[in-house]
Amino acid sequence: MRKILLIDDSQTVLKALEDKILSLIDNVLILKATSYKEASDIIRHNQDTISVAVVDLNLPDCISGKAVLLTASHNIPSIVLTG
């Protein structure tokens, strides 16, 4: 089963992304984080099995772009969301 990590501080955005992905892809597990800390914890426990991440450029608990650097440092292909 593929794992997709969604990182965004908006529950509305997370839900919309999750719904769209689940409507297009079978056999996928969606992992969601609303902060840099949550994303770090999820990656620590799943880093070798995350297929791709969708990452908000700005999160409230880190400087701009730090979450993107986090996924990149773990070699997780990432799609970056910006305002």
PDB file of N, CA and C in Angstrom:
ATOM      1  N   MET A   1       0.839  -1.177   0.000  1.00  0.00           N
ATOM      2  CA  MET A   1       0.000   0.000   0.000  1.00  0.00           C
ATOM      3  C   MET A   1       0.887   1.244   0.000  1.00  0.00           C
ATOM      4  N   ARG A   2       0.564   2.167  -0.900  1.00  0.00           N
ATOM      5  CA  ARG A   2       1.305   3.421  -0.962  1.00  0.00           C
ATOM      6  C   ARG A   2       0.848   4.364   0.142  1.00  0.00           C
ATOM      7  N   LYS A   3       1.779   5.155   0.630  1.00  0.00           N
ATOM      8  CA  LYS A   3       1.463   6.164   1.642  1.00  0.00           C
ATOM      9  C   LYS A   3       1.732   7.542   1.065  1.00  0.00           C
ATOM     10  N   ILE A   4       0.776   8.430   1.276  1.00  0.00           N
ATOM     11  CA  ILE A   4       0.916   9.823   0.849  1.00  0.00           C
ATOM     12  C   ILE A   4       0.799  10.694   2.089  1.00  0.00           C
ATOM     13  N   LEU A   5       1.775  11.563   2.277  1.00  0.00           N
ATOM     14  CA  LEU A   5       1.793  12.467   3.418  1.00  0.00           C
ATOM     15  C   LEU A   5       1.281  13.832   2.988  1.00  0.00           C
ATOM     16  N   LEU A   6       0.262  14.314   3.680  1.00  0.00           N
ATOM     17  CA  LEU A   6      -0.274  15.653   3.452  1.00  0.00           C
ATOM     18  C   LEU A   6       0.091  16.522   4.646  1.00  0.00           C
ATOM     19  N   ILE A   7       0.727  17.659   4.380  1.00  0.00           N
ATOM     20  CA  ILE A   7       1.137  18.569   5.450  1.00  0.00           C
ATOM     21  C   ILE A   7       0.546  19.949   5.165  1.00  0.00           C
ATOM     22  N   ASP A   8      -0.396  20.359   5.996  1.00  0.00           N
ATOM     23  CA  ASP A   8      -1.021  21.672   5.852  1.00  0.00           C
ATOM     24  C   ASP A   8      -1.700  22.016   7.171  1.00  0.00           C
ATOM     25  N   ASP A   9      -1.673  23.278   7.561  1.00  0.00           N
ATOM     26  CA  ASP A   9      -2.296  23.656   8.829  1.00  0.00           C
ATOM     27  C   ASP A   9      -3.804  23.876   8.695  1.00  0.00           C
ATOM     28  N   SER A  10      -4.343  23.764   7.504  1.00  0.00           N
ATOM     29  CA  SER A  10      -5.774  23.922   7.283  1.00  0.00           C
ATOM     30  C   SER A  10      -6.455  22.553   7.175  1.00  0.00           C
ATOM     31  N   GLN A  11      -7.378  22.292   8.088  1.00  0.00           N
ATOM     32  CA  GLN A  11      -8.137  21.036   8.037  1.00  0.00           C
ATOM     33  C   GLN A  11      -8.969  20.960   6.751  1.00  0.00           C
ATOM     34  N   THR A  12      -9.440  22.101   6.278  1.00  0.00           N
ATOM     35  CA  THR A  12     -10.233  22.141   5.056  1.00  0.00           C
ATOM     36  C   THR A  12      -9.399  21.700   3.854  1.00  0.00           C
ATOM     37  N   VAL A  13      -8.191  22.203   3.757  1.00  0.00           N
ATOM     38  CA  VAL A  13      -7.295  21.820   2.664  1.00  0.00           C
ATOM     39  C   VAL A  13      -6.937  20.340   2.763  1.00  0.00           C
ATOM     40  N   LEU A  14      -6.616  19.879   3.970  1.00  0.00           N
ATOM     41  CA  LEU A  14      -6.285  18.462   4.146  1.00  0.00           C
ATOM     42  C   LEU A  14      -7.433  17.563   3.706  1.00  0.00           C
ATOM     43  N   LYS A  15      -8.645  17.901   4.091  1.00  0.00           N
ATOM     44  CA  LYS A  15      -9.818  17.094   3.743  1.00  0.00           C
ATOM     45  C   LYS A  15     -10.055  17.103   2.240  1.00  0.00           C
ATOM     46  N   ALA A  16      -9.932  18.259   1.611  1.00  0.00           N
ATOM     47  CA  ALA A  16     -10.128  18.357   0.161  1.00  0.00           C
ATOM     48  C   ALA A  16      -9.089  17.531  -0.593  1.00  0.00           C
ATOM     49  N   LEU A  17      -7.829  17.624  -0.171  1.00  0.00           N
ATOM     50  CA  LEU A  17      -6.774  16.833  -0.808  1.00  0.00           C
ATOM     51  C   LEU A  17      -7.010  15.343  -0.610  1.00  0.00           C
ATOM     52  N   GLU A  18      -7.342  14.966   0.607  1.00  0.00           N
ATOM     53  CA  GLU A  18      -7.582  13.558   0.904  1.00  0.00           C
ATOM     54  C   GLU A  18      -8.733  13.014   0.058  1.00  0.00           C
ATOM     55  N   ASP A  19      -9.835  13.737  -0.001  1.00  0.00           N
ATOM     56  CA  ASP A  19     -10.992  13.283  -0.778  1.00  0.00           C
ATOM     57  C   ASP A  19     -10.636  13.115  -2.252  1.00  0.00           C
ATOM     58  N   LYS A  20      -9.913  14.072  -2.799  1.00  0.00           N
ATOM     59  CA  LYS A  20      -9.547  14.005  -4.221  1.00  0.00           C
ATOM     60  C   LYS A  20      -8.606  12.835  -4.486  1.00  0.00           C
ATOM     61  N   ILE A  21      -7.601  12.664  -3.653  1.00  0.00           N
ATOM     62  CA  ILE A  21      -6.645  11.565  -3.841  1.00  0.00           C
ATOM     63  C   ILE A  21      -7.355  10.216  -3.742  1.00  0.00           C
ATOM     64  N   LEU A  22      -8.210  10.058  -2.744  1.00  0.00           N
ATOM     65  CA  LEU A  22      -8.910   8.787  -2.557  1.00  0.00           C
ATOM     66  C   LEU A  22      -9.877   8.495  -3.702  1.00  0.00           C
ATOM     67  N   SER A  23     -10.375   9.535  -4.364  1.00  0.00           N
ATOM     68  CA  SER A  23     -11.268   9.325  -5.503  1.00  0.00           C
ATOM     69  C   SER A  23     -10.495   8.904  -6.757  1.00  0.00           C
ATOM     70  N   LEU A  24      -9.203   9.171  -6.777  1.00  0.00           N
ATOM     71  CA  LEU A  24      -8.390   8.879  -7.965  1.00  0.00           C
ATOM     72  C   LEU A  24      -7.483   7.647  -7.827  1.00  0.00           C
ATOM     73  N   ILE A  25      -7.102   7.317  -6.596  1.00  0.00           N
ATOM     74  CA  ILE A  25      -6.103   6.270  -6.382  1.00  0.00           C
ATOM     75  C   ILE A  25      -6.649   5.214  -5.424  1.00  0.00           C
ATOM     76  N   ASP A  26      -6.528   3.962  -5.826  1.00  0.00           N
ATOM     77  CA  ASP A  26      -6.909   2.855  -4.952  1.00  0.00           C
ATOM     78  C   ASP A  26      -5.707   2.415  -4.126  1.00  0.00           C
ATOM     79  N   ASN A  27      -5.984   1.753  -3.038  1.00  0.00           N
ATOM     80  CA  ASN A  27      -4.939   1.138  -2.219  1.00  0.00           C
ATOM     81  C   ASN A  27      -3.876   2.150  -1.766  1.00  0.00           C
ATOM     82  N   VAL A  28      -4.331   3.228  -1.152  1.00  0.00           N
ATOM     83  CA  VAL A  28      -3.431   4.263  -0.662  1.00  0.00           C
ATOM     84  C   VAL A  28      -3.820   4.625   0.775  1.00  0.00           C
ATOM     85  N   LEU A  29      -2.816   4.904   1.573  1.00  0.00           N
ATOM     86  CA  LEU A  29      -3.029   5.359   2.943  1.00  0.00           C
ATOM     87  C   LEU A  29      -2.614   6.820   3.022  1.00  0.00           C
ATOM     88  N   ILE A  30      -3.524   7.653   3.493  1.00  0.00           N
ATOM     89  CA  ILE A  30      -3.244   9.079   3.629  1.00  0.00           C
ATOM     90  C   ILE A  30      -2.791   9.361   5.058  1.00  0.00           C
ATOM     91  N   LEU A  31      -1.613   9.958   5.181  1.00  0.00           N
ATOM     92  CA  LEU A  31      -1.086  10.394   6.475  1.00  0.00           C
ATOM     93  C   LEU A  31      -1.199  11.918   6.492  1.00  0.00           C
ATOM     94  N   LYS A  32      -1.731  12.489   7.585  1.00  0.00           N
ATOM     95  CA  LYS A  32      -1.951  13.936   7.629  1.00  0.00           C
ATOM     96  C   LYS A  32      -1.246  14.567   8.818  1.00  0.00           C
ATOM     97  N   ALA A  33      -0.645  15.724   8.558  1.00  0.00           N
ATOM     98  CA  ALA A  33       0.014  16.499   9.604  1.00  0.00           C
ATOM     99  C   ALA A  33      -0.419  17.951   9.463  1.00  0.00           C
ATOM    100  N   THR A  34      -0.680  18.588  10.602  1.00  0.00           N
ATOM    101  CA  THR A  34      -1.073  19.999  10.583  1.00  0.00           C
ATOM    102  C   THR A  34       0.038  20.919  11.084  1.00  0.00           C
ATOM    103  N   SER A  35       1.202  20.341  11.383  1.00  0.00           N
ATOM    104  CA  SER A  35       2.322  21.152  11.870  1.00  0.00           C
ATOM    105  C   SER A  35       3.641  20.483  11.479  1.00  0.00           C
ATOM    106  N   TYR A  36       4.704  21.249  11.607  1.00  0.00           N
ATOM    107  CA  TYR A  36       6.042  20.711  11.339  1.00  0.00           C
ATOM    108  C   TYR A  36       6.350  19.562  12.297  1.00  0.00           C
ATOM    109  N   LYS A  37       5.996  19.729  13.561  1.00  0.00           N
ATOM    110  CA  LYS A  37       6.265  18.689  14.551  1.00  0.00           C
ATOM    111  C   LYS A  37       5.544  17.391  14.203  1.00  0.00           C
ATOM    112  N   GLU A  38       4.259  17.485  13.855  1.00  0.00           N
ATOM    113  CA  GLU A  38       3.517  16.280  13.471  1.00  0.00           C
ATOM    114  C   GLU A  38       4.138  15.625  12.237  1.00  0.00           C
ATOM    115  N   ALA A  39       4.520  16.437  11.267  1.00  0.00           N
ATOM    116  CA  ALA A  39       5.137  15.902  10.049  1.00  0.00           C
ATOM    117  C   ALA A  39       6.443  15.187  10.381  1.00  0.00           C
ATOM    118  N   SER A  40       7.243  15.779  11.242  1.00  0.00           N
ATOM    119  CA  SER A  40       8.511  15.152  11.653  1.00  0.00           C
ATOM    120  C   SER A  40       8.270  13.801  12.297  1.00  0.00           C
ATOM    121  N   ASP A  41       7.284  13.726  13.180  1.00  0.00           N
ATOM    122  CA  ASP A  41       6.965  12.471  13.860  1.00  0.00           C
ATOM    123  C   ASP A  41       6.494  11.410  12.866  1.00  0.00           C
ATOM    124  N   ILE A  42       5.620  11.798  11.945  1.00  0.00           N
ATOM    125  CA  ILE A  42       5.119  10.853  10.946  1.00  0.00           C
ATOM    126  C   ILE A  42       6.260  10.348  10.073  1.00  0.00           C
ATOM    127  N   ILE A  43       7.114  11.233   9.631  1.00  0.00           N
ATOM    128  CA  ILE A  43       8.238  10.836   8.775  1.00  0.00           C
ATOM    129  C   ILE A  43       9.181   9.914   9.534  1.00  0.00           C
ATOM    130  N   ARG A  44       9.442  10.222  10.783  1.00  0.00           N
ATOM    131  CA  ARG A  44      10.342   9.383  11.580  1.00  0.00           C
ATOM    132  C   ARG A  44       9.846   7.938  11.628  1.00  0.00           C
ATOM    133  N   HIS A  45       8.541   7.748  11.698  1.00  0.00           N
ATOM    134  CA  HIS A  45       7.970   6.404  11.809  1.00  0.00           C
ATOM    135  C   HIS A  45       7.644   5.756  10.473  1.00  0.00           C
ATOM    136  N   ASN A  46       7.678   6.531   9.380  1.00  0.00           N
ATOM    137  CA  ASN A  46       7.256   6.011   8.078  1.00  0.00           C
ATOM    138  C   ASN A  46       8.174   6.404   6.927  1.00  0.00           C
ATOM    139  N   GLN A  47       9.330   6.963   7.177  1.00  0.00           N
ATOM    140  CA  GLN A  47      10.103   7.591   6.117  1.00  0.00           C
ATOM    141  C   GLN A  47      10.434   6.680   4.944  1.00  0.00           C
ATOM    142  N   ASP A  48      10.624   5.412   5.172  1.00  0.00           N
ATOM    143  CA  ASP A  48      10.983   4.516   4.072  1.00  0.00           C
ATOM    144  C   ASP A  48       9.781   4.058   3.267  1.00  0.00           C
ATOM    145  N   THR A  49       8.582   4.416   3.710  1.00  0.00           N
ATOM    146  CA  THR A  49       7.390   3.929   3.025  1.00  0.00           C
ATOM    147  C   THR A  49       6.488   5.032   2.480  1.00  0.00           C
ATOM    148  N   ILE A  50       6.876   6.279   2.621  1.00  0.00           N
ATOM    149  CA  ILE A  50       6.076   7.386   2.089  1.00  0.00           C
ATOM    150  C   ILE A  50       6.438   7.586   0.621  1.00  0.00           C
ATOM    151  N   SER A  51       5.431   7.468  -0.248  1.00  0.00           N
ATOM    152  CA  SER A  51       5.664   7.582  -1.693  1.00  0.00           C
ATOM    153  C   SER A  51       5.832   9.028  -2.152  1.00  0.00           C
ATOM    154  N   VAL A  52       5.023   9.921  -1.582  1.00  0.00           N
ATOM    155  CA  VAL A  52       5.046  11.323  -1.986  1.00  0.00           C
ATOM    156  C   VAL A  52       4.429  12.157  -0.857  1.00  0.00           C
ATOM    157  N   ALA A  53       4.794  13.436  -0.836  1.00  0.00           N
ATOM    158  CA  ALA A  53       4.215  14.359   0.138  1.00  0.00           C
ATOM    159  C   ALA A  53       3.656  15.578  -0.591  1.00  0.00           C
ATOM    160  N   VAL A  54       2.568  16.103  -0.057  1.00  0.00           N
ATOM    161  CA  VAL A  54       2.031  17.383  -0.501  1.00  0.00           C
ATOM    162  C   VAL A  54       2.220  18.316   0.688  1.00  0.00           C
ATOM    163  N   VAL A  55       3.029  19.362   0.493  1.00  0.00           N
ATOM    164  CA  VAL A  55       3.511  20.156   1.619  1.00  0.00           C
ATOM    165  C   VAL A  55       3.163  21.633   1.466  1.00  0.00           C
ATOM    166  N   ASP A  56       2.561  22.196   2.489  1.00  0.00           N
ATOM    167  CA  ASP A  56       2.304  23.634   2.537  1.00  0.00           C
ATOM    168  C   ASP A  56       3.636  24.340   2.789  1.00  0.00           C
ATOM    169  N   LEU A  57       3.912  25.373   2.030  1.00  0.00           N
ATOM    170  CA  LEU A  57       5.170  26.095   2.173  1.00  0.00           C
ATOM    171  C   LEU A  57       5.286  26.789   3.524  1.00  0.00           C
ATOM    172  N   ASN A  58       4.154  27.243   4.071  1.00  0.00           N
ATOM    173  CA  ASN A  58       4.167  27.992   5.327  1.00  0.00           C
ATOM    174  C   ASN A  58       3.355  27.271   6.396  1.00  0.00           C
ATOM    175  N   LEU A  59       4.006  26.938   7.469  1.00  0.00           N
ATOM    176  CA  LEU A  59       3.345  26.332   8.624  1.00  0.00           C
ATOM    177  C   LEU A  59       3.579  27.221   9.835  1.00  0.00           C
ATOM    178  N   PRO A  60       2.654  27.240  10.782  1.00  0.00           N
ATOM    179  CA  PRO A  60       2.775  28.169  11.908  1.00  0.00           C
ATOM    180  C   PRO A  60       3.923  27.860  12.872  1.00  0.00           C
ATOM    181  N   ASP A  61       4.419  26.627  12.900  1.00  0.00           N
ATOM    182  CA  ASP A  61       5.455  26.292  13.886  1.00  0.00           C
ATOM    183  C   ASP A  61       6.860  26.158  13.299  1.00  0.00           C
ATOM    184  N   CYS A  62       7.065  26.754  12.099  1.00  0.00           N
ATOM    185  CA  CYS A  62       8.418  26.739  11.525  1.00  0.00           C
ATOM    186  C   CYS A  62       8.558  27.877  10.523  1.00  0.00           C
ATOM    187  N   ILE A  63       9.789  28.152  10.162  1.00  0.00           N
ATOM    188  CA  ILE A  63      10.038  29.195   9.170  1.00  0.00           C
ATOM    189  C   ILE A  63       9.593  28.710   7.795  1.00  0.00           C
ATOM    190  N   SER A  64       9.322  29.652   6.924  1.00  0.00           N
ATOM    191  CA  SER A  64       8.826  29.343   5.589  1.00  0.00           C
ATOM    192  C   SER A  64       9.758  28.376   4.856  1.00  0.00           C
ATOM    193  N   GLY A  65       9.187  27.307   4.356  1.00  0.00           N
ATOM    194  CA  GLY A  65       9.947  26.343   3.573  1.00  0.00           C
ATOM    195  C   GLY A  65      10.591  25.220   4.358  1.00  0.00           C
ATOM    196  N   LYS A  66      10.590  25.304   5.672  1.00  0.00           N
ATOM    197  CA  LYS A  66      11.279  24.284   6.472  1.00  0.00           C
ATOM    198  C   LYS A  66      10.652  22.893   6.311  1.00  0.00           C
ATOM    199  N   ALA A  67       9.336  22.828   6.153  1.00  0.00           N
ATOM    200  CA  ALA A  67       8.679  21.527   5.976  1.00  0.00           C
ATOM    201  C   ALA A  67       9.079  20.898   4.641  1.00  0.00           C
ATOM    202  N   VAL A  68       9.290  21.725   3.633  1.00  0.00           N
ATOM    203  CA  VAL A  68       9.747  21.220   2.333  1.00  0.00           C
ATOM    204  C   VAL A  68      11.160  20.661   2.474  1.00  0.00           C
ATOM    205  N   LEU A  69      11.997  21.362   3.213  1.00  0.00           N
ATOM    206  CA  LEU A  69      13.357  20.870   3.455  1.00  0.00           C
ATOM    207  C   LEU A  69      13.324  19.552   4.225  1.00  0.00           C
ATOM    208  N   LEU A  70      12.363  19.401   5.124  1.00  0.00           N
ATOM    209  CA  LEU A  70      12.223  18.166   5.885  1.00  0.00           C
ATOM    210  C   LEU A  70      11.942  16.987   4.954  1.00  0.00           C
ATOM    211  N   THR A  71      10.949  17.126   4.089  1.00  0.00           N
ATOM    212  CA  THR A  71      10.633  16.011   3.186  1.00  0.00           C
ATOM    213  C   THR A  71      11.773  15.762   2.210  1.00  0.00           C
ATOM    214  N   ALA A  72      12.389  16.822   1.714  1.00  0.00           N
ATOM    215  CA  ALA A  72      13.509  16.667   0.783  1.00  0.00           C
ATOM    216  C   ALA A  72      14.686  15.962   1.443  1.00  0.00           C
ATOM    217  N   SER A  73      14.942  16.258   2.703  1.00  0.00           N
ATOM    218  CA  SER A  73      16.080  15.648   3.401  1.00  0.00           C
ATOM    219  C   SER A  73      15.870  14.152   3.620  1.00  0.00           C
ATOM    220  N   HIS A  74      14.611  13.697   3.512  1.00  0.00           N
ATOM    221  CA  HIS A  74      14.308  12.271   3.637  1.00  0.00           C
ATOM    222  C   HIS A  74      14.023  11.643   2.274  1.00  0.00           C
ATOM    223  N   ASN A  75      14.387  12.368   1.216  1.00  0.00           N
ATOM    224  CA  ASN A  75      14.218  11.892  -0.158  1.00  0.00           C
ATOM    225  C   ASN A  75      12.781  11.514  -0.490  1.00  0.00           C
ATOM    226  N   ILE A  76      11.834  12.280   0.046  1.00  0.00           N
ATOM    227  CA  ILE A  76      10.425  12.076  -0.251  1.00  0.00           C
ATOM    228  C   ILE A  76      10.035  13.064  -1.361  1.00  0.00           C
ATOM    229  N   PRO A  77       9.664  12.556  -2.530  1.00  0.00           N
ATOM    230  CA  PRO A  77       9.218  13.482  -3.587  1.00  0.00           C
ATOM    231  C   PRO A  77       8.066  14.329  -3.061  1.00  0.00           C
ATOM    232  N   SER A  78       8.101  15.637  -3.359  1.00  0.00           N
ATOM    233  CA  SER A  78       7.127  16.537  -2.746  1.00  0.00           C
ATOM    234  C   SER A  78       6.514  17.492  -3.742  1.00  0.00           C
ATOM    235  N   ILE A  79       5.241  17.761  -3.532  1.00  0.00           N
ATOM    236  CA  ILE A  79       4.505  18.792  -4.241  1.00  0.00           C
ATOM    237  C   ILE A  79       4.284  19.905  -3.225  1.00  0.00           C
ATOM    238  N   VAL A  80       4.665  21.127  -3.565  1.00  0.00           N
ATOM    239  CA  VAL A  80       4.601  22.236  -2.629  1.00  0.00           C
ATOM    240  C   VAL A  80       3.390  23.110  -2.924  1.00  0.00           C
ATOM    241  N   LEU A  81       2.626  23.398  -1.864  1.00  0.00           N
ATOM    242  CA  LEU A  81       1.480  24.293  -1.968  1.00  0.00           C
ATOM    243  C   LEU A  81       1.882  25.679  -1.471  1.00  0.00           C
ATOM    244  N   THR A  82       1.519  26.705  -2.251  1.00  0.00           N
ATOM    245  CA  THR A  82       1.797  28.080  -1.833  1.00  0.00           C
ATOM    246  C   THR A  82       0.507  28.887  -1.906  1.00  0.00           C
ATOM    247  N   GLY A  83       0.515  30.029  -1.267  1.00  0.00           N
ATOM    248  CA  GLY A  83      -0.650  30.912  -1.298  1.00  0.00           C
ATOM    249  C   GLY A  83      -0.793  31.501  -2.662  1.00  0.00           C
TER     250      GLY A  83
END
